[in-house]
Amino acid sequence: MEGQLFTWVALSTMGGASLLTFFIVQYTKSLVDRFSRGLPTDLYAVMIASIILLTAQLALGGDASDWRIYALAFANGFLVAAAAGQIQRKSVDPPQLKGGKSDAGNASNEE
């Protein structure tokens, strides 16, 4: 994926799908909250992740008439949504060093 944006292959991986899920949920959840107040963000993230995974599989040549592709996209949607939730948690509460400074961009301070 070097030098490229998202590709269908990248979107079929955990990293690519979770990153796009994170972005879509972050940018659209306030709009979704206005129209559907009872929809939890976690469930919304699972729906978005499942759609991303299904779209990527179909774009890569998956058989749309095979029920297994839908079942796997739904099941994997939970994993991808959980990973996107971790991305969100890290963006809101980044890891801290012992001195109280943020660890962002400072990977050389590992113990």
PDB file of N, CA and C in Angstrom:
ATOM      1  N   MET A   1       0.832  -1.188   0.000  1.00  0.00           N
ATOM      2  CA  MET A   1       0.000   0.000   0.000  1.00  0.00           C
ATOM      3  C   MET A   1       0.877   1.252   0.000  1.00  0.00           C
ATOM      4  N   GLU A   2       2.131   1.079  -0.233  1.00  0.00           N
ATOM      5  CA  GLU A   2       3.071   2.185  -0.208  1.00  0.00           C
ATOM      6  C   GLU A   2       2.755   3.195  -1.302  1.00  0.00           C
ATOM      7  N   GLY A   3       2.614   4.465  -0.913  1.00  0.00           N
ATOM      8  CA  GLY A   3       2.368   5.532  -1.868  1.00  0.00           C
ATOM      9  C   GLY A   3       0.938   5.598  -2.381  1.00  0.00           C
ATOM     10  N   GLN A   4       0.036   4.812  -1.787  1.00  0.00           N
ATOM     11  CA  GLN A   4      -1.351   4.801  -2.242  1.00  0.00           C
ATOM     12  C   GLN A   4      -2.277   5.139  -1.092  1.00  0.00           C
ATOM     13  N   LEU A   5      -3.481   5.522  -1.465  1.00  0.00           N
ATOM     14  CA  LEU A   5      -4.536   5.685  -0.481  1.00  0.00           C
ATOM     15  C   LEU A   5      -5.182   4.324  -0.273  1.00  0.00           C
ATOM     16  N   PHE A   6      -6.410   4.288   0.184  1.00  0.00           N
ATOM     17  CA  PHE A   6      -7.089   3.007   0.359  1.00  0.00           C
ATOM     18  C   PHE A   6      -7.209   2.275  -0.971  1.00  0.00           C
ATOM     19  N   THR A   7      -7.025   0.979  -0.935  1.00  0.00           N
ATOM     20  CA  THR A   7      -7.284   0.109  -2.086  1.00  0.00           C
ATOM     21  C   THR A   7      -8.269  -0.946  -1.625  1.00  0.00           C
ATOM     22  N   TRP A   8      -8.842  -1.693  -2.579  1.00  0.00           N
ATOM     23  CA  TRP A   8      -9.784  -2.743  -2.193  1.00  0.00           C
ATOM     24  C   TRP A   8      -9.092  -3.823  -1.377  1.00  0.00           C
ATOM     25  N   VAL A   9      -7.865  -4.100  -1.713  1.00  0.00           N
ATOM     26  CA  VAL A   9      -7.114  -5.098  -0.939  1.00  0.00           C
ATOM     27  C   VAL A   9      -6.879  -4.583   0.480  1.00  0.00           C
ATOM     28  N   ALA A  10      -6.495  -3.317   0.602  1.00  0.00           N
ATOM     29  CA  ALA A  10      -6.259  -2.743   1.936  1.00  0.00           C
ATOM     30  C   ALA A  10      -7.539  -2.720   2.764  1.00  0.00           C
ATOM     31  N   LEU A  11      -8.675  -2.450   2.112  1.00  0.00           N
ATOM     32  CA  LEU A  11      -9.938  -2.411   2.838  1.00  0.00           C
ATOM     33  C   LEU A  11     -10.407  -3.790   3.274  1.00  0.00           C
ATOM     34  N   SER A  12      -9.846  -4.824   2.696  1.00  0.00           N
ATOM     35  CA  SER A  12     -10.226  -6.174   3.110  1.00  0.00           C
ATOM     36  C   SER A  12      -9.361  -6.658   4.277  1.00  0.00           C
ATOM     37  N   THR A  13      -8.437  -5.825   4.746  1.00  0.00           N
ATOM     38  CA  THR A  13      -7.593  -6.182   5.889  1.00  0.00           C
ATOM     39  C   THR A  13      -8.123  -5.506   7.152  1.00  0.00           C
ATOM     40  N   MET A  14      -7.685  -6.018   8.278  1.00  0.00           N
ATOM     41  CA  MET A  14      -8.113  -5.460   9.568  1.00  0.00           C
ATOM     42  C   MET A  14      -7.703  -4.001   9.708  1.00  0.00           C
ATOM     43  N   GLY A  15      -6.476  -3.690   9.352  1.00  0.00           N
ATOM     44  CA  GLY A  15      -5.985  -2.317   9.496  1.00  0.00           C
ATOM     45  C   GLY A  15      -6.729  -1.323   8.627  1.00  0.00           C
ATOM     46  N   GLY A  16      -6.870  -1.644   7.356  1.00  0.00           N
ATOM     47  CA  GLY A  16      -7.543  -0.730   6.444  1.00  0.00           C
ATOM     48  C   GLY A  16      -9.018  -0.570   6.762  1.00  0.00           C
ATOM     49  N   ALA A  17      -9.692  -1.671   7.035  1.00  0.00           N
ATOM     50  CA  ALA A  17     -11.123  -1.620   7.332  1.00  0.00           C
ATOM     51  C   ALA A  17     -11.386  -0.890   8.646  1.00  0.00           C
ATOM     52  N   SER A  18     -10.548  -1.116   9.662  1.00  0.00           N
ATOM     53  CA  SER A  18     -10.777  -0.448  10.946  1.00  0.00           C
ATOM     54  C   SER A  18     -10.497   1.050  10.849  1.00  0.00           C
ATOM     55  N   LEU A  19      -9.489   1.431  10.083  1.00  0.00           N
ATOM     56  CA  LEU A  19      -9.197   2.858   9.925  1.00  0.00           C
ATOM     57  C   LEU A  19     -10.334   3.576   9.194  1.00  0.00           C
ATOM     58  N   LEU A  20     -10.827   2.987   8.111  1.00  0.00           N
ATOM     59  CA  LEU A  20     -11.933   3.618   7.392  1.00  0.00           C
ATOM     60  C   LEU A  20     -13.202   3.622   8.236  1.00  0.00           C
ATOM     61  N   THR A  21     -13.434   2.554   8.987  1.00  0.00           N
ATOM     62  CA  THR A  21     -14.592   2.518   9.887  1.00  0.00           C
ATOM     63  C   THR A  21     -14.499   3.646  10.904  1.00  0.00           C
ATOM     64  N   PHE A  22     -13.321   3.809  11.490  1.00  0.00           N
ATOM     65  CA  PHE A  22     -13.108   4.895  12.452  1.00  0.00           C
ATOM     66  C   PHE A  22     -13.448   6.251  11.837  1.00  0.00           C
ATOM     67  N   PHE A  23     -12.918   6.521  10.636  1.00  0.00           N
ATOM     68  CA  PHE A  23     -13.172   7.813   9.991  1.00  0.00           C
ATOM     69  C   PHE A  23     -14.654   8.015   9.685  1.00  0.00           C
ATOM     70  N   ILE A  24     -15.298   7.027   9.108  1.00  0.00           N
ATOM     71  CA  ILE A  24     -16.715   7.175   8.750  1.00  0.00           C
ATOM     72  C   ILE A  24     -17.573   7.397   9.985  1.00  0.00           C
ATOM     73  N   VAL A  25     -17.342   6.611  11.020  1.00  0.00           N
ATOM     74  CA  VAL A  25     -18.138   6.761  12.245  1.00  0.00           C
ATOM     75  C   VAL A  25     -17.893   8.126  12.876  1.00  0.00           C
ATOM     76  N   GLN A  26     -16.654   8.561  12.955  1.00  0.00           N
ATOM     77  CA  GLN A  26     -16.349   9.855  13.568  1.00  0.00           C
ATOM     78  C   GLN A  26     -17.000  11.014  12.819  1.00  0.00           C
ATOM     79  N   TYR A  27     -16.997  10.936  11.503  1.00  0.00           N
ATOM     80  CA  TYR A  27     -17.527  12.049  10.711  1.00  0.00           C
ATOM     81  C   TYR A  27     -19.043  12.017  10.558  1.00  0.00           C
ATOM     82  N   THR A  28     -19.676  10.876  10.815  1.00  0.00           N
ATOM     83  CA  THR A  28     -21.123  10.794  10.570  1.00  0.00           C
ATOM     84  C   THR A  28     -21.961  10.504  11.804  1.00  0.00           C
ATOM     85  N   LYS A  29     -21.365  10.191  12.947  1.00  0.00           N
ATOM     86  CA  LYS A  29     -22.165   9.760  14.085  1.00  0.00           C
ATOM     87  C   LYS A  29     -23.071  10.855  14.633  1.00  0.00           C
ATOM     88  N   SER A  30     -22.690  12.109  14.584  1.00  0.00           N
ATOM     89  CA  SER A  30     -23.581  13.168  15.069  1.00  0.00           C
ATOM     90  C   SER A  30     -24.804  13.303  14.160  1.00  0.00           C
ATOM     91  N   LEU A  31     -24.605  13.130  12.866  1.00  0.00           N
ATOM     92  CA  LEU A  31     -25.733  13.165  11.936  1.00  0.00           C
ATOM     93  C   LEU A  31     -26.660  11.970  12.161  1.00  0.00           C
ATOM     94  N   VAL A  32     -26.088  10.795  12.352  1.00  0.00           N
ATOM     95  CA  VAL A  32     -26.877   9.600  12.604  1.00  0.00           C
ATOM     96  C   VAL A  32     -27.625   9.720  13.931  1.00  0.00           C
ATOM     97  N   ASP A  33     -26.993  10.303  14.934  1.00  0.00           N
ATOM     98  CA  ASP A  33     -27.636  10.498  16.234  1.00  0.00           C
ATOM     99  C   ASP A  33     -28.874  11.382  16.141  1.00  0.00           C
ATOM    100  N   ARG A  34     -28.868  12.329  15.233  1.00  0.00           N
ATOM    101  CA  ARG A  34     -30.041  13.198  15.060  1.00  0.00           C
ATOM    102  C   ARG A  34     -31.255  12.432  14.561  1.00  0.00           C
ATOM    103  N   PHE A  35     -31.026  11.475  13.674  1.00  0.00           N
ATOM    104  CA  PHE A  35     -32.134  10.769  13.043  1.00  0.00           C
ATOM    105  C   PHE A  35     -32.495   9.466  13.730  1.00  0.00           C
ATOM    106  N   SER A  36     -31.571   8.876  14.441  1.00  0.00           N
ATOM    107  CA  SER A  36     -31.853   7.620  15.113  1.00  0.00           C
ATOM    108  C   SER A  36     -31.226   7.636  16.498  1.00  0.00           C
ATOM    109  N   ARG A  37     -31.945   8.192  17.427  1.00  0.00           N
ATOM    110  CA  ARG A  37     -31.421   8.406  18.778  1.00  0.00           C
ATOM    111  C   ARG A  37     -31.164   7.108  19.528  1.00  0.00           C
ATOM    112  N   GLY A  38     -31.842   6.023  19.165  1.00  0.00           N
ATOM    113  CA  GLY A  38     -31.693   4.779  19.902  1.00  0.00           C
ATOM    114  C   GLY A  38     -30.578   3.877  19.397  1.00  0.00           C
ATOM    115  N   LEU A  39     -29.863   4.289  18.355  1.00  0.00           N
ATOM    116  CA  LEU A  39     -28.812   3.455  17.777  1.00  0.00           C
ATOM    117  C   LEU A  39     -27.480   3.712  18.484  1.00  0.00           C
ATOM    118  N   PRO A  40     -26.974   2.723  19.239  1.00  0.00           N
ATOM    119  CA  PRO A  40     -25.684   2.912  19.909  1.00  0.00           C
ATOM    120  C   PRO A  40     -24.550   3.047  18.888  1.00  0.00           C
ATOM    121  N   THR A  41     -23.545   3.830  19.232  1.00  0.00           N
ATOM    122  CA  THR A  41     -22.408   4.048  18.340  1.00  0.00           C
ATOM    123  C   THR A  41     -21.695   2.743  18.020  1.00  0.00           C
ATOM    124  N   ASP A  42     -21.583   1.847  19.002  1.00  0.00           N
ATOM    125  CA  ASP A  42     -20.909   0.569  18.762  1.00  0.00           C
ATOM    126  C   ASP A  42     -21.617  -0.248  17.695  1.00  0.00           C
ATOM    127  N   LEU A  43     -22.940  -0.283  17.753  1.00  0.00           N
ATOM    128  CA  LEU A  43     -23.705  -1.024  16.753  1.00  0.00           C
ATOM    129  C   LEU A  43     -23.612  -0.351  15.384  1.00  0.00           C
ATOM    130  N   TYR A  44     -23.624   0.970  15.373  1.00  0.00           N
ATOM    131  CA  TYR A  44     -23.442   1.714  14.129  1.00  0.00           C
ATOM    132  C   TYR A  44     -22.078   1.396  13.517  1.00  0.00           C
ATOM    133  N   ALA A  45     -21.039   1.301  14.343  1.00  0.00           N
ATOM    134  CA  ALA A  45     -19.695   0.968  13.856  1.00  0.00           C
ATOM    135  C   ALA A  45     -19.657  -0.442  13.271  1.00  0.00           C
ATOM    136  N   VAL A  46     -20.364  -1.389  13.880  1.00  0.00           N
ATOM    137  CA  VAL A  46     -20.433  -2.752  13.339  1.00  0.00           C
ATOM    138  C   VAL A  46     -21.099  -2.740  11.973  1.00  0.00           C
ATOM    139  N   MET A  47     -22.165  -1.968  11.828  1.00  0.00           N
ATOM    140  CA  MET A  47     -22.855  -1.881  10.533  1.00  0.00           C
ATOM    141  C   MET A  47     -21.926  -1.303   9.463  1.00  0.00           C
ATOM    142  N   ILE A  48     -21.234  -0.227   9.798  1.00  0.00           N
ATOM    143  CA  ILE A  48     -20.316   0.407   8.840  1.00  0.00           C
ATOM    144  C   ILE A  48     -19.182  -0.551   8.478  1.00  0.00           C
ATOM    145  N   ALA A  49     -18.604  -1.198   9.476  1.00  0.00           N
ATOM    146  CA  ALA A  49     -17.505  -2.135   9.225  1.00  0.00           C
ATOM    147  C   ALA A  49     -17.958  -3.286   8.339  1.00  0.00           C
ATOM    148  N   SER A  50     -19.140  -3.818   8.590  1.00  0.00           N
ATOM    149  CA  SER A  50     -19.662  -4.919   7.773  1.00  0.00           C
ATOM    150  C   SER A  50     -19.860  -4.487   6.331  1.00  0.00           C
ATOM    151  N   ILE A  51     -20.368  -3.285   6.139  1.00  0.00           N
ATOM    152  CA  ILE A  51     -20.568  -2.762   4.778  1.00  0.00           C
ATOM    153  C   ILE A  51     -19.227  -2.593   4.074  1.00  0.00           C
ATOM    154  N   ILE A  52     -18.239  -2.063   4.781  1.00  0.00           N
ATOM    155  CA  ILE A  52     -16.902  -1.882   4.189  1.00  0.00           C
ATOM    156  C   ILE A  52     -16.315  -3.228   3.784  1.00  0.00           C
ATOM    157  N   LEU A  53     -16.381  -4.213   4.683  1.00  0.00           N
ATOM    158  CA  LEU A  53     -15.825  -5.534   4.379  1.00  0.00           C
ATOM    159  C   LEU A  53     -16.560  -6.209   3.231  1.00  0.00           C
ATOM    160  N   LEU A  54     -17.872  -6.113   3.224  1.00  0.00           N
ATOM    161  CA  LEU A  54     -18.656  -6.712   2.147  1.00  0.00           C
ATOM    162  C   LEU A  54     -18.339  -6.053   0.808  1.00  0.00           C
ATOM    163  N   THR A  55     -18.276  -4.735   0.806  1.00  0.00           N
ATOM    164  CA  THR A  55     -17.962  -4.005  -0.429  1.00  0.00           C
ATOM    165  C   THR A  55     -16.576  -4.383  -0.944  1.00  0.00           C
ATOM    166  N   ALA A  56     -15.607  -4.481  -0.054  1.00  0.00           N
ATOM    167  CA  ALA A  56     -14.243  -4.841  -0.460  1.00  0.00           C
ATOM    168  C   ALA A  56     -14.211  -6.245  -1.050  1.00  0.00           C
ATOM    169  N   GLN A  57     -14.909  -7.189  -0.419  1.00  0.00           N
ATOM    170  CA  GLN A  57     -14.917  -8.561  -0.929  1.00  0.00           C
ATOM    171  C   GLN A  57     -15.590  -8.647  -2.289  1.00  0.00           C
ATOM    172  N   LEU A  58     -16.690  -7.938  -2.456  1.00  0.00           N
ATOM    173  CA  LEU A  58     -17.370  -7.941  -3.760  1.00  0.00           C
ATOM    174  C   LEU A  58     -16.508  -7.262  -4.822  1.00  0.00           C
ATOM    175  N   ALA A  59     -15.815  -6.184  -4.456  1.00  0.00           N
ATOM    176  CA  ALA A  59     -14.949  -5.484  -5.405  1.00  0.00           C
ATOM    177  C   ALA A  59     -13.762  -6.349  -5.823  1.00  0.00           C
ATOM    178  N   LEU A  60     -13.352  -7.254  -4.940  1.00  0.00           N
ATOM    179  CA  LEU A  60     -12.223  -8.136  -5.257  1.00  0.00           C
ATOM    180  C   LEU A  60     -12.668  -9.403  -5.987  1.00  0.00           C
ATOM    181  N   GLY A  61     -13.933  -9.475  -6.357  1.00  0.00           N
ATOM    182  CA  GLY A  61     -14.408 -10.605  -7.148  1.00  0.00           C
ATOM    183  C   GLY A  61     -15.204 -11.645  -6.378  1.00  0.00           C
ATOM    184  N   GLY A  62     -15.614 -11.322  -5.160  1.00  0.00           N
ATOM    185  CA  GLY A  62     -16.422 -12.256  -4.386  1.00  0.00           C
ATOM    186  C   GLY A  62     -17.759 -12.517  -5.065  1.00  0.00           C
ATOM    187  N   ASP A  63     -18.293 -13.706  -4.844  1.00  0.00           N
ATOM    188  CA  ASP A  63     -19.563 -14.115  -5.447  1.00  0.00           C
ATOM    189  C   ASP A  63     -20.720 -13.547  -4.630  1.00  0.00           C
ATOM    190  N   ALA A  64     -21.459 -12.611  -5.210  1.00  0.00           N
ATOM    191  CA  ALA A  64     -22.561 -11.953  -4.505  1.00  0.00           C
ATOM    192  C   ALA A  64     -23.698 -12.906  -4.160  1.00  0.00           C
ATOM    193  N   SER A  65     -23.765 -14.042  -4.825  1.00  0.00           N
ATOM    194  CA  SER A  65     -24.838 -14.999  -4.530  1.00  0.00           C
ATOM    195  C   SER A  65     -24.439 -15.998  -3.439  1.00  0.00           C
ATOM    196  N   ASP A  66     -23.226 -15.925  -2.955  1.00  0.00           N
ATOM    197  CA  ASP A  66     -22.751 -16.832  -1.914  1.00  0.00           C
ATOM    198  C   ASP A  66     -23.070 -16.229  -0.546  1.00  0.00           C
ATOM    199  N   TRP A  67     -23.913 -16.894   0.225  1.00  0.00           N
ATOM    200  CA  TRP A  67     -24.326 -16.382   1.528  1.00  0.00           C
ATOM    201  C   TRP A  67     -23.169 -16.266   2.505  1.00  0.00           C
ATOM    202  N   ARG A  68     -22.119 -17.045   2.303  1.00  0.00           N
ATOM    203  CA  ARG A  68     -20.997 -17.039   3.240  1.00  0.00           C
ATOM    204  C   ARG A  68     -20.265 -15.707   3.277  1.00  0.00           C
ATOM    205  N   ILE A  69     -20.230 -15.001   2.157  1.00  0.00           N
ATOM    206  CA  ILE A  69     -19.542 -13.706   2.116  1.00  0.00           C
ATOM    207  C   ILE A  69     -20.249 -12.698   3.021  1.00  0.00           C
ATOM    208  N   TYR A  70     -21.582 -12.775   3.104  1.00  0.00           N
ATOM    209  CA  TYR A  70     -22.349 -11.879   3.958  1.00  0.00           C
ATOM    210  C   TYR A  70     -22.166 -12.239   5.430  1.00  0.00           C
ATOM    211  N   ALA A  71     -22.159 -13.537   5.720  1.00  0.00           N
ATOM    212  CA  ALA A  71     -21.974 -13.993   7.099  1.00  0.00           C
ATOM    213  C   ALA A  71     -20.594 -13.599   7.630  1.00  0.00           C
ATOM    214  N   LEU A  72     -19.564 -13.784   6.809  1.00  0.00           N
ATOM    215  CA  LEU A  72     -18.218 -13.413   7.237  1.00  0.00           C
ATOM    216  C   LEU A  72     -18.061 -11.904   7.389  1.00  0.00           C
ATOM    217  N   ALA A  73     -18.659 -11.147   6.490  1.00  0.00           N
ATOM    218  CA  ALA A  73     -18.581  -9.689   6.607  1.00  0.00           C
ATOM    219  C   ALA A  73     -19.249  -9.226   7.895  1.00  0.00           C
ATOM    220  N   PHE A  74     -20.368  -9.835   8.249  1.00  0.00           N
ATOM    221  CA  PHE A  74     -21.059  -9.482   9.487  1.00  0.00           C
ATOM    222  C   PHE A  74     -20.224  -9.870  10.707  1.00  0.00           C
ATOM    223  N   ALA A  75     -19.710 -11.093  10.720  1.00  0.00           N
ATOM    224  CA  ALA A  75     -18.911 -11.561  11.859  1.00  0.00           C
ATOM    225  C   ALA A  75     -17.629 -10.738  12.014  1.00  0.00           C
ATOM    226  N   ASN A  76     -16.936 -10.522  10.926  1.00  0.00           N
ATOM    227  CA  ASN A  76     -15.703  -9.738  10.975  1.00  0.00           C
ATOM    228  C   ASN A  76     -15.965  -8.271  11.262  1.00  0.00           C
ATOM    229  N   GLY A  77     -17.187  -7.809  10.986  1.00  0.00           N
ATOM    230  CA  GLY A  77     -17.562  -6.429  11.291  1.00  0.00           C
ATOM    231  C   GLY A  77     -17.416  -6.112  12.772  1.00  0.00           C
ATOM    232  N   PHE A  78     -17.682  -7.112  13.631  1.00  0.00           N
ATOM    233  CA  PHE A  78     -17.519  -6.897  15.067  1.00  0.00           C
ATOM    234  C   PHE A  78     -16.051  -6.703  15.433  1.00  0.00           C
ATOM    235  N   LEU A  79     -15.183  -7.502  14.820  1.00  0.00           N
ATOM    236  CA  LEU A  79     -13.747  -7.369  15.089  1.00  0.00           C
ATOM    237  C   LEU A  79     -13.214  -6.024  14.609  1.00  0.00           C
ATOM    238  N   VAL A  80     -13.617  -5.647  13.409  1.00  0.00           N
ATOM    239  CA  VAL A  80     -13.156  -4.377  12.836  1.00  0.00           C
ATOM    240  C   VAL A  80     -13.693  -3.201  13.650  1.00  0.00           C
ATOM    241  N   ALA A  81     -14.951  -3.272  14.076  1.00  0.00           N
ATOM    242  CA  ALA A  81     -15.529  -2.195  14.884  1.00  0.00           C
ATOM    243  C   ALA A  81     -14.803  -2.075  16.225  1.00  0.00           C
ATOM    244  N   ALA A  82     -14.422  -3.211  16.810  1.00  0.00           N
ATOM    245  CA  ALA A  82     -13.672  -3.177  18.072  1.00  0.00           C
ATOM    246  C   ALA A  82     -12.304  -2.527  17.864  1.00  0.00           C
ATOM    247  N   ALA A  83     -11.645  -2.843  16.766  1.00  0.00           N
ATOM    248  CA  ALA A  83     -10.349  -2.226  16.464  1.00  0.00           C
ATOM    249  C   ALA A  83     -10.517  -0.724  16.214  1.00  0.00           C
ATOM    250  N   ALA A  84     -11.584  -0.338  15.534  1.00  0.00           N
ATOM    251  CA  ALA A  84     -11.852   1.086  15.307  1.00  0.00           C
ATOM    252  C   ALA A  84     -12.118   1.797  16.630  1.00  0.00           C
ATOM    253  N   GLY A  85     -12.777   1.107  17.557  1.00  0.00           N
ATOM    254  CA  GLY A  85     -13.002   1.678  18.886  1.00  0.00           C
ATOM    255  C   GLY A  85     -11.697   1.924  19.624  1.00  0.00           C
ATOM    256  N   GLN A  86     -10.730   1.038  19.442  1.00  0.00           N
ATOM    257  CA  GLN A  86      -9.415   1.227  20.062  1.00  0.00           C
ATOM    258  C   GLN A  86      -8.687   2.415  19.436  1.00  0.00           C
ATOM    259  N   ILE A  87      -8.849   2.599  18.135  1.00  0.00           N
ATOM    260  CA  ILE A  87      -8.257   3.771  17.478  1.00  0.00           C
ATOM    261  C   ILE A  87      -8.867   5.040  18.068  1.00  0.00           C
ATOM    262  N   GLN A  88     -10.177   5.022  18.260  1.00  0.00           N
ATOM    263  CA  GLN A  88     -10.875   6.180  18.817  1.00  0.00           C
ATOM    264  C   GLN A  88     -10.405   6.446  20.243  1.00  0.00           C
ATOM    265  N   ARG A  89     -10.272   5.392  21.035  1.00  0.00           N
ATOM    266  CA  ARG A  89      -9.827   5.549  22.428  1.00  0.00           C
ATOM    267  C   ARG A  89      -8.419   6.144  22.486  1.00  0.00           C
ATOM    268  N   LYS A  90      -7.530   5.657  21.617  1.00  0.00           N
ATOM    269  CA  LYS A  90      -6.155   6.180  21.584  1.00  0.00           C
ATOM    270  C   LYS A  90      -6.112   7.634  21.116  1.00  0.00           C
ATOM    271  N   SER A  91      -7.040   8.019  20.246  1.00  0.00           N
ATOM    272  CA  SER A  91      -7.029   9.408  19.769  1.00  0.00           C
ATOM    273  C   SER A  91      -7.561  10.362  20.833  1.00  0.00           C
ATOM    274  N   VAL A  92      -8.468   9.891  21.678  1.00  0.00           N
ATOM    275  CA  VAL A  92      -9.013  10.731  22.740  1.00  0.00           C
ATOM    276  C   VAL A  92      -8.098  10.750  23.956  1.00  0.00           C
ATOM    277  N   ASP A  93      -7.527   9.591  24.279  1.00  0.00           N
ATOM    278  CA  ASP A  93      -6.676   9.460  25.463  1.00  0.00           C
ATOM    279  C   ASP A  93      -5.358   8.798  25.066  1.00  0.00           C
ATOM    280  N   PRO A  94      -4.424   9.569  24.474  1.00  0.00           N
ATOM    281  CA  PRO A  94      -3.163   8.967  24.005  1.00  0.00           C
ATOM    282  C   PRO A  94      -2.324   8.461  25.168  1.00  0.00           C
ATOM    283  N   PRO A  95      -1.466   7.489  24.897  1.00  0.00           N
ATOM    284  CA  PRO A  95      -0.583   6.979  25.948  1.00  0.00           C
ATOM    285  C   PRO A  95       0.317   8.087  26.494  1.00  0.00           C
ATOM    286  N   GLN A  96       0.594   8.018  27.770  1.00  0.00           N
ATOM    287  CA  GLN A  96       1.427   9.028  28.423  1.00  0.00           C
ATOM    288  C   GLN A  96       2.763   8.421  28.835  1.00  0.00           C
ATOM    289  N   LEU A  97       3.816   9.223  28.758  1.00  0.00           N
ATOM    290  CA  LEU A  97       5.120   8.824  29.289  1.00  0.00           C
ATOM    291  C   LEU A  97       5.135   9.083  30.789  1.00  0.00           C
ATOM    292  N   LYS A  98       6.162   8.623  31.456  1.00  0.00           N
ATOM    293  CA  LYS A  98       6.252   8.792  32.906  1.00  0.00           C
ATOM    294  C   LYS A  98       6.281  10.259  33.317  1.00  0.00           C
ATOM    295  N   GLY A  99       6.841  11.117  32.482  1.00  0.00           N
ATOM    296  CA  GLY A  99       6.915  12.541  32.806  1.00  0.00           C
ATOM    297  C   GLY A  99       5.631  13.293  32.532  1.00  0.00           C
ATOM    298  N   GLY A 100       4.593  12.593  32.076  1.00  0.00           N
ATOM    299  CA  GLY A 100       3.322  13.245  31.789  1.00  0.00           C
ATOM    300  C   GLY A 100       3.214  13.788  30.387  1.00  0.00           C
ATOM    301  N   LYS A 101       4.261  13.603  29.576  1.00  0.00           N
ATOM    302  CA  LYS A 101       4.219  14.069  28.202  1.00  0.00           C
ATOM    303  C   LYS A 101       3.609  12.992  27.320  1.00  0.00           C
ATOM    304  N   SER A 102       2.972  13.409  26.248  1.00  0.00           N
ATOM    305  CA  SER A 102       2.363  12.468  25.316  1.00  0.00           C
ATOM    306  C   SER A 102       3.423  11.658  24.598  1.00  0.00           C
ATOM    307  N   ASP A 103       3.102  10.414  24.301  1.00  0.00           N
ATOM    308  CA  ASP A 103       4.010   9.501  23.614  1.00  0.00           C
ATOM    309  C   ASP A 103       3.868   9.620  22.094  1.00  0.00           C
ATOM    310  N   ALA A 104       3.074  10.551  21.616  1.00  0.00           N
ATOM    311  CA  ALA A 104       2.825  10.666  20.186  1.00  0.00           C
ATOM    312  C   ALA A 104       4.112  10.977  19.426  1.00  0.00           C
ATOM    313  N   GLY A 105       4.424  10.125  18.467  1.00  0.00           N
ATOM    314  CA  GLY A 105       5.588  10.333  17.620  1.00  0.00           C
ATOM    315  C   GLY A 105       6.914  10.124  18.314  1.00  0.00           C
ATOM    316  N   ASN A 106       6.907   9.499  19.465  1.00  0.00           N
ATOM    317  CA  ASN A 106       8.142   9.325  20.219  1.00  0.00           C
ATOM    318  C   ASN A 106       8.325   7.862  20.580  1.00  0.00           C
ATOM    319  N   ALA A 107       8.499   7.024  19.600  1.00  0.00           N
ATOM    320  CA  ALA A 107       8.596   5.581  19.812  1.00  0.00           C
ATOM    321  C   ALA A 107       9.927   5.147  20.390  1.00  0.00           C
ATOM    322  N   SER A 108      10.906   6.022  20.438  1.00  0.00           N
ATOM    323  CA  SER A 108      12.237   5.637  20.919  1.00  0.00           C
ATOM    324  C   SER A 108      12.336   5.619  22.441  1.00  0.00           C
ATOM    325  N   ASN A 109      11.271   5.989  23.137  1.00  0.00           N
ATOM    326  CA  ASN A 109      11.301   6.031  24.597  1.00  0.00           C
ATOM    327  C   ASN A 109      10.716   4.780  25.232  1.00  0.00           C
ATOM    328  N   GLU A 110      10.835   3.631  24.578  1.00  0.00           N
ATOM    329  CA  GLU A 110      10.303   2.382  25.127  1.00  0.00           C
ATOM    330  C   GLU A 110      11.240   1.847  26.189  1.00  0.00           C
ATOM    331  N   GLU A 111      10.667   1.209  27.195  1.00  0.00           N
ATOM    332  CA  GLU A 111      11.487   0.592  28.239  1.00  0.00           C
ATOM    333  C   GLU A 111      11.360  -0.889  28.174  1.00  0.00           C
TER     334      GLU A 111
END
